[in-house]
Protein backbone atom coordinates (compact mmCIF):
# COMPACT_ATOMS: atom_id res chain seq x y z
CA MET A 1 20.22 -56.26 7.54
CA GLU A 2 22.01 -53.36 6.65
CA SER A 3 23.59 -55.23 3.14
CA SER A 4 19.92 -56.45 2.34
CA LEU A 5 18.57 -52.82 2.61
CA LEU A 6 21.18 -51.24 0.31
CA THR A 7 21.06 -54.11 -2.04
CA ASN A 8 17.40 -55.37 -2.44
CA GLY A 9 15.01 -52.64 -3.88
CA LYS A 10 11.87 -54.70 -3.51
CA GLU A 11 12.91 -54.96 0.47
CA LEU A 12 13.23 -50.96 0.45
CA LYS A 13 9.77 -50.10 -1.72
CA GLN A 14 8.23 -52.22 1.23
CA LEU A 15 9.79 -50.20 3.73
CA ALA A 16 8.44 -47.07 2.39
CA ASN A 17 5.05 -48.57 2.95
CA LEU A 18 5.71 -49.83 6.32
CA GLU A 19 3.51 -47.56 8.60
CA ASP A 20 0.64 -49.17 6.19
CA VAL A 21 1.86 -52.96 6.93
CA ILE A 22 1.96 -52.57 10.33
CA MET A 23 -1.47 -50.31 10.49
CA ARG A 24 -2.76 -53.42 8.82
CA GLU A 25 -1.44 -55.89 10.80
CA ALA A 26 -2.58 -54.06 13.75
CA MET A 27 -6.05 -53.66 12.59
CA ASP A 28 -6.53 -57.47 12.01
CA TRP A 29 -5.47 -58.14 15.35
CA ALA A 30 -7.60 -55.30 17.12
CA ARG A 31 -10.74 -57.33 15.14
CA LYS A 32 -10.38 -60.42 16.24
CA THR A 33 -9.81 -59.40 20.10
CA TYR A 34 -13.03 -57.23 19.70
CA LYS A 35 -14.70 -60.38 18.32
CA ALA A 36 -13.91 -62.83 20.86
CA ILE A 37 -14.22 -60.22 23.68
CA VAL A 38 -18.18 -59.24 22.50
CA GLU A 39 -18.82 -62.77 21.79
CA GLN A 40 -17.35 -63.81 25.56
CA ILE A 41 -19.77 -60.93 26.85
CA ASP A 42 -22.72 -62.61 25.14
CA ASP A 43 -21.81 -65.94 26.68
CA MET A 44 -22.07 -64.28 30.03
CA LEU A 45 -25.49 -62.44 28.92
CA ALA A 46 -26.69 -65.80 28.23
CA LYS A 47 -25.63 -67.15 31.73
CA HIS A 48 -26.99 -64.47 33.96
CA ARG A 49 -30.27 -63.82 31.96
CA ASP A 50 -33.79 -63.15 33.13
CA ARG A 51 -35.24 -66.64 33.23
CA ALA A 52 -38.17 -65.19 31.48
CA LEU A 53 -35.85 -65.20 28.39
CA PHE A 54 -35.61 -68.49 26.15
CA ILE A 55 -32.89 -68.55 23.69
CA SER A 56 -34.26 -68.76 20.18
CA HIS A 57 -31.26 -69.43 17.95
CA ILE A 58 -27.81 -67.62 17.32
CA ARG A 59 -27.69 -65.34 14.53
CA LYS A 60 -24.74 -63.72 12.88
CA THR A 61 -24.54 -59.73 11.77
CA TRP A 62 -21.94 -57.38 10.64
CA TYR A 63 -20.70 -54.64 13.50
CA ARG A 64 -19.72 -51.38 11.78
CA THR A 65 -16.93 -50.36 14.35
CA LYS A 66 -13.70 -47.73 14.13
CA LEU A 67 -11.64 -51.21 13.50
CA GLY A 68 -13.73 -51.98 10.54
CA THR A 69 -16.67 -54.33 9.83
CA ILE A 70 -16.67 -57.36 12.32
CA ARG A 71 -18.79 -60.61 11.74
CA ILE A 72 -20.55 -61.23 15.29
CA ALA A 73 -22.58 -64.01 16.72
CA ARG A 74 -25.11 -63.43 19.26
CA ARG A 75 -27.89 -64.83 20.69
CA TYR A 76 -31.62 -64.23 19.83
CA TYR A 77 -33.98 -64.21 22.60
CA ARG A 78 -37.86 -64.93 22.92
CA HIS A 79 -39.27 -63.04 26.27
CA ALA A 80 -42.39 -64.87 27.92
CA ASP A 81 -44.22 -62.05 27.23
CA GLY A 82 -43.88 -62.27 23.64
CA THR A 83 -41.15 -59.77 22.29
CA TYR A 84 -37.84 -60.64 21.00
CA HIS A 85 -34.38 -59.52 22.08
CA TYR A 86 -30.78 -59.01 20.85
CA LEU A 87 -29.04 -58.50 24.30
CA LEU A 88 -25.59 -57.94 23.01
CA ASP A 89 -27.41 -55.38 20.47
CA GLU A 90 -28.79 -53.64 23.31
CA LEU A 91 -25.96 -53.61 25.55
CA LEU A 92 -23.92 -51.95 23.04
CA HIS A 93 -26.65 -49.29 21.96
CA MET A 94 -26.95 -51.14 18.29
CA GLU A 95 -30.05 -49.20 16.85
CA LYS A 96 -32.27 -52.07 15.67
CA HIS A 97 -31.48 -53.08 11.95
CA HIS A 98 -28.45 -50.74 12.01
CA HIS A 99 -25.48 -52.38 13.67
CA THR A 100 -22.93 -49.39 13.77
CA THR A 101 -21.34 -48.49 17.31
CA ALA A 102 -21.84 -45.46 19.10
CA ALA A 103 -18.08 -44.53 18.64
CA VAL A 104 -18.78 -44.44 14.74
CA ARG A 105 -21.95 -42.66 14.92
CA ALA A 106 -20.73 -39.84 17.02
CA LEU A 107 -17.57 -39.43 14.78
CA ALA A 108 -19.50 -39.62 11.51
CA VAL A 109 -22.13 -37.09 12.51
CA GLU A 110 -19.32 -34.82 13.94
CA LEU A 111 -17.66 -34.90 10.85
CA ALA A 112 -21.00 -34.25 8.58
CA SER A 113 -21.82 -31.41 10.50
CA GLN A 114 -18.69 -29.43 9.48
CA MET A 115 -18.25 -30.86 5.62
CA PRO A 116 -20.69 -32.72 2.86
CA PHE A 117 -21.87 -36.41 3.53
CA ARG A 118 -19.44 -38.00 0.69
CA ILE A 119 -16.34 -35.96 1.61
CA SER A 120 -17.26 -37.04 5.16
CA ALA A 121 -17.64 -40.64 4.26
CA GLU A 122 -13.94 -40.41 2.21
CA VAL A 123 -12.27 -38.88 5.14
CA LEU A 124 -13.56 -42.38 7.33
CA HIS A 125 -12.53 -44.66 4.88
CA LYS A 126 -8.98 -42.61 4.72
CA THR A 127 -8.14 -42.24 7.98
CA THR A 128 -9.74 -44.83 9.94
CA GLN A 129 -11.02 -48.77 9.00
CA ILE A 130 -14.69 -47.32 8.67
CA ASP A 131 -16.06 -48.27 5.69
CA ILE A 132 -19.15 -46.60 5.13
CA SER A 133 -21.28 -45.23 2.32
CA PHE A 134 -21.97 -41.32 2.31
CA LYS A 135 -25.98 -42.29 2.57
CA THR A 136 -24.95 -43.71 5.40
CA VAL A 137 -23.48 -40.77 6.89
CA HIS A 138 -26.75 -38.96 6.06
CA ARG A 139 -29.05 -41.65 7.78
CA LEU A 140 -27.25 -41.56 10.74
CA LEU A 141 -27.21 -37.55 11.08
CA GLN A 142 -30.95 -37.47 10.04
CA ARG A 143 -31.73 -39.82 13.08
CA ILE A 144 -29.72 -38.16 15.66
CA ALA A 145 -30.98 -34.89 14.37
CA ASP A 146 -34.49 -35.79 14.25
CA ASN A 147 -34.41 -36.73 17.95
CA CYS A 148 -32.84 -33.40 18.97
CA LEU A 149 -35.28 -31.45 16.91
CA LYS A 150 -38.04 -33.13 18.37
CA GLN A 151 -37.01 -32.22 21.80
CA TRP A 152 -36.33 -28.87 20.36
CA ASP A 153 -39.77 -28.30 19.46
CA LYS A 154 -41.35 -29.37 22.74
CA MET A 155 -39.14 -26.99 24.40
CA THR A 156 -40.01 -24.12 22.21
CA GLU A 157 -43.63 -24.96 22.43
CA TRP A 158 -43.75 -25.17 26.16
CA CYS A 159 -41.98 -21.79 26.48
CA LEU A 160 -44.50 -20.21 23.93
CA ASN A 161 -47.66 -21.38 25.74
CA THR A 162 -46.34 -21.19 29.41
CA GLY A 163 -43.73 -18.60 29.24
CA GLU A 164 -41.17 -20.74 31.32
CA LEU A 165 -37.71 -20.40 29.90
CA PRO A 166 -34.71 -23.64 30.23
CA SER A 167 -32.02 -23.41 32.90
CA SER A 168 -29.28 -21.18 32.14
CA GLU A 169 -25.57 -20.51 32.25
CA GLU A 170 -26.24 -17.08 33.82
CA ARG A 171 -23.56 -15.42 31.54
CA LYS A 172 -23.83 -11.51 32.33
CA THR A 173 -23.36 -8.85 29.87
CA ASP A 174 -24.71 -5.30 30.01
CA LEU A 175 -25.32 -5.11 26.38
CA LEU A 176 -26.91 -7.53 23.67
CA LEU A 177 -27.16 -6.92 20.13
CA VAL A 178 -29.96 -8.92 18.05
CA GLU A 179 -30.30 -9.12 14.58
CA ALA A 180 -32.62 -10.88 12.22
CA ASP A 181 -33.18 -11.48 8.38
CA GLY A 182 -34.98 -14.02 6.17
CA THR A 183 -34.45 -15.25 2.78
CA MET A 184 -37.02 -16.75 0.82
CA LEU A 185 -36.14 -20.62 -0.65
CA SER A 186 -37.69 -22.61 -3.56
CA LEU A 187 -39.52 -26.11 -2.47
CA GLN A 188 -39.26 -29.72 -3.91
CA ARG A 189 -41.89 -31.66 -3.81
CA GLU A 190 -44.08 -29.48 -1.11
CA LYS A 191 -47.37 -28.16 -1.75
CA ALA A 192 -45.86 -24.47 -1.09
CA ARG A 193 -43.60 -23.20 -3.99
CA LYS A 194 -41.61 -20.95 -1.58
CA ALA A 195 -40.90 -20.88 1.97
CA GLU A 196 -38.57 -18.38 4.18
CA VAL A 197 -35.70 -19.32 6.24
CA ARG A 198 -35.52 -16.78 9.44
CA VAL A 199 -32.16 -16.14 11.23
CA GLY A 200 -31.41 -14.49 13.80
CA ILE A 201 -27.95 -13.86 15.41
CA ALA A 202 -27.09 -12.23 19.04
CA TYR A 203 -23.86 -10.92 19.78
CA GLU A 204 -22.44 -8.44 23.07
CA GLY A 205 -20.24 -6.14 20.49
CA TRP A 206 -17.64 -5.93 18.03
CA GLU A 207 -13.52 -6.65 18.71
CA ARG A 208 -10.95 -5.30 16.74
CA VAL A 209 -9.02 -7.87 14.88
CA GLY A 210 -6.78 -5.50 12.28
CA LYS A 211 -7.01 -2.49 10.30
CA ASP A 212 -11.04 -1.87 9.61
CA ARG A 213 -11.57 -5.29 10.22
CA TYR A 214 -13.80 -6.21 13.34
CA HIS A 215 -15.62 -9.16 14.72
CA THR A 216 -19.05 -10.01 16.78
CA VAL A 217 -18.26 -11.08 20.20
CA ASN A 218 -19.67 -14.23 21.62
CA LYS A 219 -22.19 -14.47 18.72
CA SER A 220 -24.84 -16.95 19.13
CA VAL A 221 -27.18 -18.24 15.59
CA TYR A 222 -30.47 -19.71 15.52
CA THR A 223 -32.21 -20.28 12.06
CA ASP A 224 -35.87 -21.94 11.62
CA MET A 225 -38.57 -21.97 8.96
CA VAL A 226 -41.41 -21.35 11.44
CA ASP A 227 -44.09 -18.38 11.55
CA SER A 228 -42.51 -15.46 13.74
CA ASP A 229 -43.97 -16.57 17.26
CA MET A 230 -42.20 -19.73 17.02
CA PHE A 231 -39.25 -18.48 15.73
CA TRP A 232 -38.75 -15.94 18.40
CA ALA A 233 -40.09 -18.22 20.96
CA GLY A 234 -37.07 -20.47 19.89
CA MET A 235 -34.73 -17.48 19.90
CA ALA A 236 -35.47 -16.41 23.28
CA VAL A 237 -35.34 -20.19 24.56
CA LYS A 238 -31.80 -20.43 23.01
CA LEU A 239 -30.16 -17.07 24.40
CA SER A 240 -31.95 -18.02 27.96
CA GLU A 241 -29.89 -21.01 27.76
CA LYS A 242 -26.71 -19.21 27.52
CA TYR A 243 -27.15 -15.55 29.20
CA ASP A 244 -29.13 -14.11 32.20
CA MET A 245 -31.83 -12.12 30.66
CA ALA A 246 -33.29 -10.59 33.44
CA GLY A 247 -29.88 -8.95 34.22
CA ILE A 248 -28.83 -7.35 30.73
CA ASP A 249 -29.55 -3.87 30.94
CA THR A 250 -29.90 -3.04 27.04
CA ILE A 251 -31.12 -5.25 24.47
CA VAL A 252 -31.06 -3.63 20.47
CA MET A 253 -32.98 -5.21 18.02
CA GLY A 254 -32.12 -4.37 14.26
CA GLY A 255 -33.25 -5.50 11.13
CA ASP A 256 -34.66 -4.33 7.86
CA GLY A 257 -38.02 -2.91 8.75
CA ALA A 258 -39.90 -6.20 8.15
CA GLY A 259 -42.70 -6.77 10.48
CA TRP A 260 -41.99 -10.12 11.93
CA ILE A 261 -38.54 -8.81 13.20
CA LYS A 262 -40.25 -5.71 14.91
CA GLU A 263 -42.49 -8.40 16.88
CA GLY A 264 -39.19 -10.12 18.19
CA SER A 265 -38.72 -6.85 19.96
CA ARG A 266 -42.00 -7.52 22.71
CA TYR A 267 -39.82 -11.51 23.23
CA PHE A 268 -37.13 -9.27 24.54
CA GLY A 269 -38.16 -6.05 25.91
CA SER A 270 -35.38 -4.23 23.57
CA LYS A 271 -35.11 -1.38 21.70
CA TYR A 272 -35.63 -1.37 17.90
CA GLN A 273 -33.59 0.19 14.92
CA LEU A 274 -32.91 -0.11 11.39
CA CYS A 275 -29.67 -1.67 10.03
CA ARG A 276 -27.24 0.56 8.70
CA TYR A 277 -27.97 -0.52 5.13
CA HIS A 278 -31.55 -0.12 5.37
CA LEU A 279 -31.27 3.30 7.51
CA ASN A 280 -29.46 4.93 4.57
CA ARG A 281 -31.34 3.64 1.70
CA GLU A 282 -34.60 5.10 3.54
CA LEU A 283 -33.03 8.49 3.86
CA CYS A 284 -31.76 8.20 0.12
CA ALA A 285 -35.33 7.57 -0.75
CA VAL A 286 -36.68 10.19 1.44
CA LEU A 287 -34.29 13.17 0.40
CA GLY A 288 -33.31 11.96 -3.05
CA HIS A 289 -30.53 13.18 -4.73
CA ASP A 290 -29.75 15.86 -2.41
CA ARG A 291 -26.11 14.09 -1.38
CA GLU A 292 -25.45 17.21 0.96
CA SER A 293 -28.45 16.83 3.05
CA ILE A 294 -27.96 12.92 3.20
CA LYS A 295 -24.62 13.16 4.36
CA LEU A 296 -25.56 15.72 6.84
CA LEU A 297 -27.92 13.45 8.36
CA GLN A 298 -26.25 10.39 8.40
CA GLN A 299 -23.78 12.19 10.62
CA SER A 300 -26.13 13.12 12.82
CA CYS A 301 -27.86 9.37 13.30
CA ASN A 302 -24.13 8.22 13.46
CA SER A 303 -23.01 10.53 16.54
CA GLY A 304 -26.52 9.76 18.22
CA ASP A 305 -27.79 13.39 17.72
CA ILE A 306 -31.39 11.94 17.16
CA PRO A 307 -32.73 15.18 17.77
CA THR A 308 -31.06 17.19 15.30
CA ALA A 309 -31.82 14.01 12.76
CA LEU A 310 -35.61 14.28 13.22
CA GLN A 311 -35.78 18.19 13.31
CA PHE A 312 -33.32 18.05 9.91
CA LEU A 313 -36.20 15.57 8.91
CA ALA A 314 -39.19 17.82 9.66
């Protein structure tokens, strides 16, 4: 063996790809094993089925699995009530007309939530035996997202109509800071030309991570394209899932002065204030080019000496 490795360059080249060869052989064995086990399960289902189910025929289809795409033969049943079923598909939670295993769906959706669909499909193909198109990845995520959004909309509407909030993790904090902003997006193939995307974040404070660098503590993010009432109801639901809202001593709402952001204060019983940038902009608008007065007023605001700031403005 040692002599052949040293003298036969072809064998050395194959040895460099040894892991690929082993992986290919292992996956081929795994697919055959999967096919045998699954078809045995279909035989068991036929043996122990409800007698109201009659076997119509056996039909083959391709299952997309983490082991690769596998051709499976399974029985098609007709129920006495006139409905039709693939018992094996139902047992394995296969979606109708989309025979992708739950494990593949979960992996594809996890990747698609963190990177573009095309790259997600490429990563799946390079690291596993899963060979699906980026359009399929998009459809998988879309179907799961649609169900989640429908459930979320029901929960938000229930909160808006009844004032009832969902069960919570009961996280405790003395201070919660909430900020919100909106940005306009152009729409395609819609009656309206533009729509406002509203974004809210909530956090418990700041933590130093370097010289003059900070990050927010336990940040929560919520975004939607709805009116102000639905947005704040959704934000309230999201925060209530995490916090014991009744136990928070101080909630501060910050924004750019937009009316819909001020409305959010009543949902949380919070104080409202302009964000630092918009506060400075308003001060400059009032005081013009009087830089000395602007500096003194900013110092009063930054130190929390609000009476002095108000007296100075008056």
